[in-house]
Amino acid sequence: MVGDKLEDMQAAAAANVGTKVLVRTGKPVTAEAENAADWVLNSLADLPSSDKKAAKISVMDKR
């Protein structure tokens, strides 16, 4: 699961998603959100290209 806020990481945990990736999208990220994530990236571009091809990635945006 890829998200940009604590609530995304919590939703992933509630759904028993295996890997939670928090992406900093130019807005402040809390320490709590970072601690809830398995990985913290500065950009979606930082995802390894093999993961983009091999895995189905859910991206939750802020709407």
PDB file of N, CA and C in Angstrom:
ATOM      1  N   MET A   1       0.848  -1.173   0.000  1.00  0.00           N
ATOM      2  CA  MET A   1       0.000   0.000   0.000  1.00  0.00           C
ATOM      3  C   MET A   1       0.888   1.228   0.000  1.00  0.00           C
ATOM      4  N   VAL A   2       0.560   2.173  -0.835  1.00  0.00           N
ATOM      5  CA  VAL A   2       1.284   3.435  -0.898  1.00  0.00           C
ATOM      6  C   VAL A   2       0.323   4.550  -0.511  1.00  0.00           C
ATOM      7  N   GLY A   3       0.748   5.396   0.415  1.00  0.00           N
ATOM      8  CA  GLY A   3      -0.081   6.514   0.838  1.00  0.00           C
ATOM      9  C   GLY A   3       0.771   7.686   1.266  1.00  0.00           C
ATOM     10  N   ASP A   4       0.101   8.791   1.585  1.00  0.00           N
ATOM     11  CA  ASP A   4       0.855   9.996   1.936  1.00  0.00           C
ATOM     12  C   ASP A   4       0.490  10.565   3.305  1.00  0.00           C
ATOM     13  N   LYS A   5      -0.233   9.789   4.123  1.00  0.00           N
ATOM     14  CA  LYS A   5      -0.591  10.277   5.455  1.00  0.00           C
ATOM     15  C   LYS A   5      -0.823   9.111   6.409  1.00  0.00           C
ATOM     16  N   LEU A   6      -0.876   9.431   7.687  1.00  0.00           N
ATOM     17  CA  LEU A   6      -1.046   8.426   8.729  1.00  0.00           C
ATOM     18  C   LEU A   6      -2.283   7.575   8.486  1.00  0.00           C
ATOM     19  N   GLU A   7      -3.375   8.200   8.107  1.00  0.00           N
ATOM     20  CA  GLU A   7      -4.619   7.451   7.902  1.00  0.00           C
ATOM     21  C   GLU A   7      -4.467   6.380   6.824  1.00  0.00           C
ATOM     22  N   ASP A   8      -3.648   6.626   5.827  1.00  0.00           N
ATOM     23  CA  ASP A   8      -3.392   5.619   4.790  1.00  0.00           C
ATOM     24  C   ASP A   8      -2.663   4.417   5.385  1.00  0.00           C
ATOM     25  N   MET A   9      -1.685   4.690   6.255  1.00  0.00           N
ATOM     26  CA  MET A   9      -0.926   3.607   6.883  1.00  0.00           C
ATOM     27  C   MET A   9      -1.821   2.815   7.831  1.00  0.00           C
ATOM     28  N   GLN A  10      -2.704   3.503   8.538  1.00  0.00           N
ATOM     29  CA  GLN A  10      -3.640   2.830   9.438  1.00  0.00           C
ATOM     30  C   GLN A  10      -4.628   1.968   8.660  1.00  0.00           C
ATOM     31  N   ALA A  11      -5.110   2.469   7.533  1.00  0.00           N
ATOM     32  CA  ALA A  11      -6.030   1.695   6.695  1.00  0.00           C
ATOM     33  C   ALA A  11      -5.342   0.444   6.165  1.00  0.00           C
ATOM     34  N   ALA A  12      -4.090   0.587   5.774  1.00  0.00           N
ATOM     35  CA  ALA A  12      -3.330  -0.564   5.278  1.00  0.00           C
ATOM     36  C   ALA A  12      -3.153  -1.604   6.377  1.00  0.00           C
ATOM     37  N   ALA A  13      -2.850  -1.148   7.579  1.00  0.00           N
ATOM     38  CA  ALA A  13      -2.688  -2.076   8.701  1.00  0.00           C
ATOM     39  C   ALA A  13      -4.006  -2.784   9.007  1.00  0.00           C
ATOM     40  N   ALA A  14      -5.112  -2.054   8.978  1.00  0.00           N
ATOM     41  CA  ALA A  14      -6.425  -2.646   9.248  1.00  0.00           C
ATOM     42  C   ALA A  14      -6.810  -3.676   8.196  1.00  0.00           C
ATOM     43  N   ALA A  15      -6.329  -3.479   6.972  1.00  0.00           N
ATOM     44  CA  ALA A  15      -6.624  -4.403   5.871  1.00  0.00           C
ATOM     45  C   ALA A  15      -5.578  -5.508   5.756  1.00  0.00           C
ATOM     46  N   ASN A  16      -4.648  -5.540   6.702  1.00  0.00           N
ATOM     47  CA  ASN A  16      -3.578  -6.546   6.706  1.00  0.00           C
ATOM     48  C   ASN A  16      -2.743  -6.525   5.435  1.00  0.00           C
ATOM     49  N   VAL A  17      -2.486  -5.315   4.933  1.00  0.00           N
ATOM     50  CA  VAL A  17      -1.622  -5.161   3.759  1.00  0.00           C
ATOM     51  C   VAL A  17      -0.195  -5.474   4.185  1.00  0.00           C
ATOM     52  N   GLY A  18       0.527  -6.198   3.364  1.00  0.00           N
ATOM     53  CA  GLY A  18       1.872  -6.635   3.724  1.00  0.00           C
ATOM     54  C   GLY A  18       2.877  -5.518   3.902  1.00  0.00           C
ATOM     55  N   THR A  19       2.976  -4.609   2.965  1.00  0.00           N
ATOM     56  CA  THR A  19       3.986  -3.557   3.025  1.00  0.00           C
ATOM     57  C   THR A  19       3.315  -2.199   2.897  1.00  0.00           C
ATOM     58  N   LYS A  20       3.664  -1.325   3.839  1.00  0.00           N
ATOM     59  CA  LYS A  20       3.099   0.024   3.858  1.00  0.00           C
ATOM     60  C   LYS A  20       4.193   1.017   3.492  1.00  0.00           C
ATOM     61  N   VAL A  21       3.961   1.802   2.435  1.00  0.00           N
ATOM     62  CA  VAL A  21       4.934   2.783   1.953  1.00  0.00           C
ATOM     63  C   VAL A  21       4.339   4.176   2.110  1.00  0.00           C
ATOM     64  N   LEU A  22       5.021   5.008   2.873  1.00  0.00           N
ATOM     65  CA  LEU A  22       4.609   6.398   3.062  1.00  0.00           C
ATOM     66  C   LEU A  22       5.433   7.263   2.122  1.00  0.00           C
ATOM     67  N   VAL A  23       4.757   8.090   1.340  1.00  0.00           N
ATOM     68  CA  VAL A  23       5.445   8.962   0.386  1.00  0.00           C
ATOM     69  C   VAL A  23       5.255  10.409   0.815  1.00  0.00           C
ATOM     70  N   ARG A  24       6.375  11.099   0.945  1.00  0.00           N
ATOM     71  CA  ARG A  24       6.324  12.541   1.246  1.00  0.00           C
ATOM     72  C   ARG A  24       5.994  13.250  -0.059  1.00  0.00           C
ATOM     73  N   THR A  25       4.873  13.905  -0.100  1.00  0.00           N
ATOM     74  CA  THR A  25       4.434  14.545  -1.347  1.00  0.00           C
ATOM     75  C   THR A  25       4.499  16.058  -1.244  1.00  0.00           C
ATOM     76  N   GLY A  26       5.513  16.556  -0.566  1.00  0.00           N
ATOM     77  CA  GLY A  26       5.673  17.988  -0.445  1.00  0.00           C
ATOM     78  C   GLY A  26       4.957  18.599   0.737  1.00  0.00           C
ATOM     79  N   LYS A  27       4.312  17.761   1.533  1.00  0.00           N
ATOM     80  CA  LYS A  27       3.647  18.266   2.729  1.00  0.00           C
ATOM     81  C   LYS A  27       4.296  17.621   3.949  1.00  0.00           C
ATOM     82  N   PRO A  28       4.124  18.209   5.112  1.00  0.00           N
ATOM     83  CA  PRO A  28       4.743  17.639   6.314  1.00  0.00           C
ATOM     84  C   PRO A  28       4.222  16.230   6.609  1.00  0.00           C
ATOM     85  N   VAL A  29       5.120  15.375   7.041  1.00  0.00           N
ATOM     86  CA  VAL A  29       4.777  14.005   7.422  1.00  0.00           C
ATOM     87  C   VAL A  29       5.104  13.866   8.905  1.00  0.00           C
ATOM     88  N   THR A  30       4.171  13.342   9.673  1.00  0.00           N
ATOM     89  CA  THR A  30       4.386  13.216  11.112  1.00  0.00           C
ATOM     90  C   THR A  30       5.276  12.028  11.438  1.00  0.00           C
ATOM     91  N   ALA A  31       5.911  12.097  12.594  1.00  0.00           N
ATOM     92  CA  ALA A  31       6.730  10.983  13.068  1.00  0.00           C
ATOM     93  C   ALA A  31       5.860   9.745  13.263  1.00  0.00           C
ATOM     94  N   GLU A  32       4.629   9.942  13.703  1.00  0.00           N
ATOM     95  CA  GLU A  32       3.705   8.819  13.890  1.00  0.00           C
ATOM     96  C   GLU A  32       3.435   8.109  12.565  1.00  0.00           C
ATOM     97  N   ALA A  33       3.249   8.872  11.506  1.00  0.00           N
ATOM     98  CA  ALA A  33       3.026   8.278  10.183  1.00  0.00           C
ATOM     99  C   ALA A  33       4.268   7.523   9.728  1.00  0.00           C
ATOM    100  N   GLU A  34       5.443   8.111   9.942  1.00  0.00           N
ATOM    101  CA  GLU A  34       6.687   7.431   9.561  1.00  0.00           C
ATOM    102  C   GLU A  34       6.850   6.126  10.322  1.00  0.00           C
ATOM    103  N   ASN A  35       6.508   6.127  11.609  1.00  0.00           N
ATOM    104  CA  ASN A  35       6.632   4.914  12.419  1.00  0.00           C
ATOM    105  C   ASN A  35       5.643   3.836  11.998  1.00  0.00           C
ATOM    106  N   ALA A  36       4.514   4.227  11.437  1.00  0.00           N
ATOM    107  CA  ALA A  36       3.500   3.263  10.999  1.00  0.00           C
ATOM    108  C   ALA A  36       3.848   2.629   9.656  1.00  0.00           C
ATOM    109  N   ALA A  37       4.773   3.241   8.928  1.00  0.00           N
ATOM    110  CA  ALA A  37       5.141   2.761   7.588  1.00  0.00           C
ATOM    111  C   ALA A  37       6.314   1.795   7.655  1.00  0.00           C
ATOM    112  N   ASP A  38       6.363   0.896   6.673  1.00  0.00           N
ATOM    113  CA  ASP A  38       7.524   0.017   6.529  1.00  0.00           C
ATOM    114  C   ASP A  38       8.644   0.731   5.785  1.00  0.00           C
ATOM    115  N   TRP A  39       8.271   1.598   4.861  1.00  0.00           N
ATOM    116  CA  TRP A  39       9.220   2.371   4.057  1.00  0.00           C
ATOM    117  C   TRP A  39       8.719   3.798   3.969  1.00  0.00           C
ATOM    118  N   VAL A  40       9.647   4.764   3.949  1.00  0.00           N
ATOM    119  CA  VAL A  40       9.310   6.177   3.769  1.00  0.00           C
ATOM    120  C   VAL A  40      10.130   6.691   2.594  1.00  0.00           C
ATOM    121  N   LEU A  41       9.426   7.205   1.581  1.00  0.00           N
ATOM    122  CA  LEU A  41      10.083   7.700   0.368  1.00  0.00           C
ATOM    123  C   LEU A  41       9.766   9.178   0.171  1.00  0.00           C
ATOM    124  N   ASN A  42      10.654   9.870  -0.508  1.00  0.00           N
ATOM    125  CA  ASN A  42      10.415  11.279  -0.819  1.00  0.00           C
ATOM    126  C   ASN A  42       9.487  11.452  -2.007  1.00  0.00           C
ATOM    127  N   SER A  43       9.433  10.451  -2.894  1.00  0.00           N
ATOM    128  CA  SER A  43       8.660  10.566  -4.133  1.00  0.00           C
ATOM    129  C   SER A  43       8.257   9.182  -4.613  1.00  0.00           C
ATOM    130  N   LEU A  44       7.170   9.105  -5.362  1.00  0.00           N
ATOM    131  CA  LEU A  44       6.808   7.833  -6.001  1.00  0.00           C
ATOM    132  C   LEU A  44       7.897   7.381  -6.962  1.00  0.00           C
ATOM    133  N   ALA A  45       8.644   8.324  -7.491  1.00  0.00           N
ATOM    134  CA  ALA A  45       9.738   7.989  -8.405  1.00  0.00           C
ATOM    135  C   ALA A  45      10.823   7.182  -7.703  1.00  0.00           C
ATOM    136  N   ASP A  46      10.840   7.203  -6.371  1.00  0.00           N
ATOM    137  CA  ASP A  46      11.836   6.450  -5.619  1.00  0.00           C
ATOM    138  C   ASP A  46      11.487   4.971  -5.474  1.00  0.00           C
ATOM    139  N   LEU A  47      10.278   4.582  -5.871  1.00  0.00           N
ATOM    140  CA  LEU A  47       9.931   3.155  -5.850  1.00  0.00           C
ATOM    141  C   LEU A  47      10.798   2.423  -6.858  1.00  0.00           C
ATOM    142  N   PRO A  48      11.356   1.286  -6.476  1.00  0.00           N
ATOM    143  CA  PRO A  48      12.144   0.524  -7.458  1.00  0.00           C
ATOM    144  C   PRO A  48      11.291   0.149  -8.662  1.00  0.00           C
ATOM    145  N   SER A  49      11.849   0.237  -9.840  1.00  0.00           N
ATOM    146  CA  SER A  49      11.083  -0.049 -11.058  1.00  0.00           C
ATOM    147  C   SER A  49      10.583  -1.481 -11.088  1.00  0.00           C
ATOM    148  N   SER A  50      11.315  -2.413 -10.508  1.00  0.00           N
ATOM    149  CA  SER A  50      10.862  -3.803 -10.508  1.00  0.00           C
ATOM    150  C   SER A  50       9.588  -3.950  -9.692  1.00  0.00           C
ATOM    151  N   ASP A  51       9.441  -3.178  -8.611  1.00  0.00           N
ATOM    152  CA  ASP A  51       8.225  -3.242  -7.814  1.00  0.00           C
ATOM    153  C   ASP A  51       7.038  -2.701  -8.592  1.00  0.00           C
ATOM    154  N   LYS A  52       7.261  -1.683  -9.396  1.00  0.00           N
ATOM    155  CA  LYS A  52       6.174  -1.116 -10.187  1.00  0.00           C
ATOM    156  C   LYS A  52       5.645  -2.138 -11.183  1.00  0.00           C
ATOM    157  N   LYS A  53       6.543  -2.958 -11.730  1.00  0.00           N
ATOM    158  CA  LYS A  53       6.139  -3.940 -12.736  1.00  0.00           C
ATOM    159  C   LYS A  53       5.587  -5.210 -12.101  1.00  0.00           C
ATOM    160  N   ALA A  54       6.160  -5.619 -10.974  1.00  0.00           N
ATOM    161  CA  ALA A  54       5.831  -6.922 -10.417  1.00  0.00           C
ATOM    162  C   ALA A  54       4.674  -6.890  -9.429  1.00  0.00           C
ATOM    163  N   ALA A  55       4.388  -5.747  -8.864  1.00  0.00           N
ATOM    164  CA  ALA A  55       3.369  -5.679  -7.819  1.00  0.00           C
ATOM    165  C   ALA A  55       2.236  -4.754  -8.226  1.00  0.00           C
ATOM    166  N   LYS A  56       1.082  -5.076  -7.713  1.00  0.00           N
ATOM    167  CA  LYS A  56      -0.039  -4.153  -7.868  1.00  0.00           C
ATOM    168  C   LYS A  56       0.052  -3.190  -6.690  1.00  0.00           C
ATOM    169  N   ILE A  57       0.185  -1.916  -6.985  1.00  0.00           N
ATOM    170  CA  ILE A  57       0.372  -0.925  -5.938  1.00  0.00           C
ATOM    171  C   ILE A  57      -0.867  -0.044  -5.867  1.00  0.00           C
ATOM    172  N   SER A  58      -1.429   0.068  -4.670  1.00  0.00           N
ATOM    173  CA  SER A  58      -2.565   0.957  -4.457  1.00  0.00           C
ATOM    174  C   SER A  58      -2.041   2.315  -4.036  1.00  0.00           C
ATOM    175  N   VAL A  59      -2.436   3.335  -4.746  1.00  0.00           N
ATOM    176  CA  VAL A  59      -2.017   4.692  -4.410  1.00  0.00           C
ATOM    177  C   VAL A  59      -3.240   5.450  -3.919  1.00  0.00           C
ATOM    178  N   MET A  60      -3.178   5.917  -2.694  1.00  0.00           N
ATOM    179  CA  MET A  60      -4.273   6.702  -2.133  1.00  0.00           C
ATOM    180  C   MET A  60      -3.847   8.154  -2.170  1.00  0.00           C
ATOM    181  N   ASP A  61      -4.625   8.981  -2.805  1.00  0.00           N
ATOM    182  CA  ASP A  61      -4.279  10.391  -2.865  1.00  0.00           C
ATOM    183  C   ASP A  61      -5.166  11.194  -1.925  1.00  0.00           C
ATOM    184  N   LYS A  62      -4.828  12.444  -1.762  1.00  0.00           N
ATOM    185  CA  LYS A  62      -5.598  13.316  -0.879  1.00  0.00           C
ATOM    186  C   LYS A  62      -6.731  13.952  -1.671  1.00  0.00           C
ATOM    187  N   ARG A  63      -7.933  13.597  -1.373  1.00  0.00           N
ATOM    188  CA  ARG A  63      -9.107  14.161  -2.050  1.00  0.00           C
ATOM    189  C   ARG A  63     -10.105  14.596  -1.031  1.00  0.00           C
TER     190      ARG A  63
END
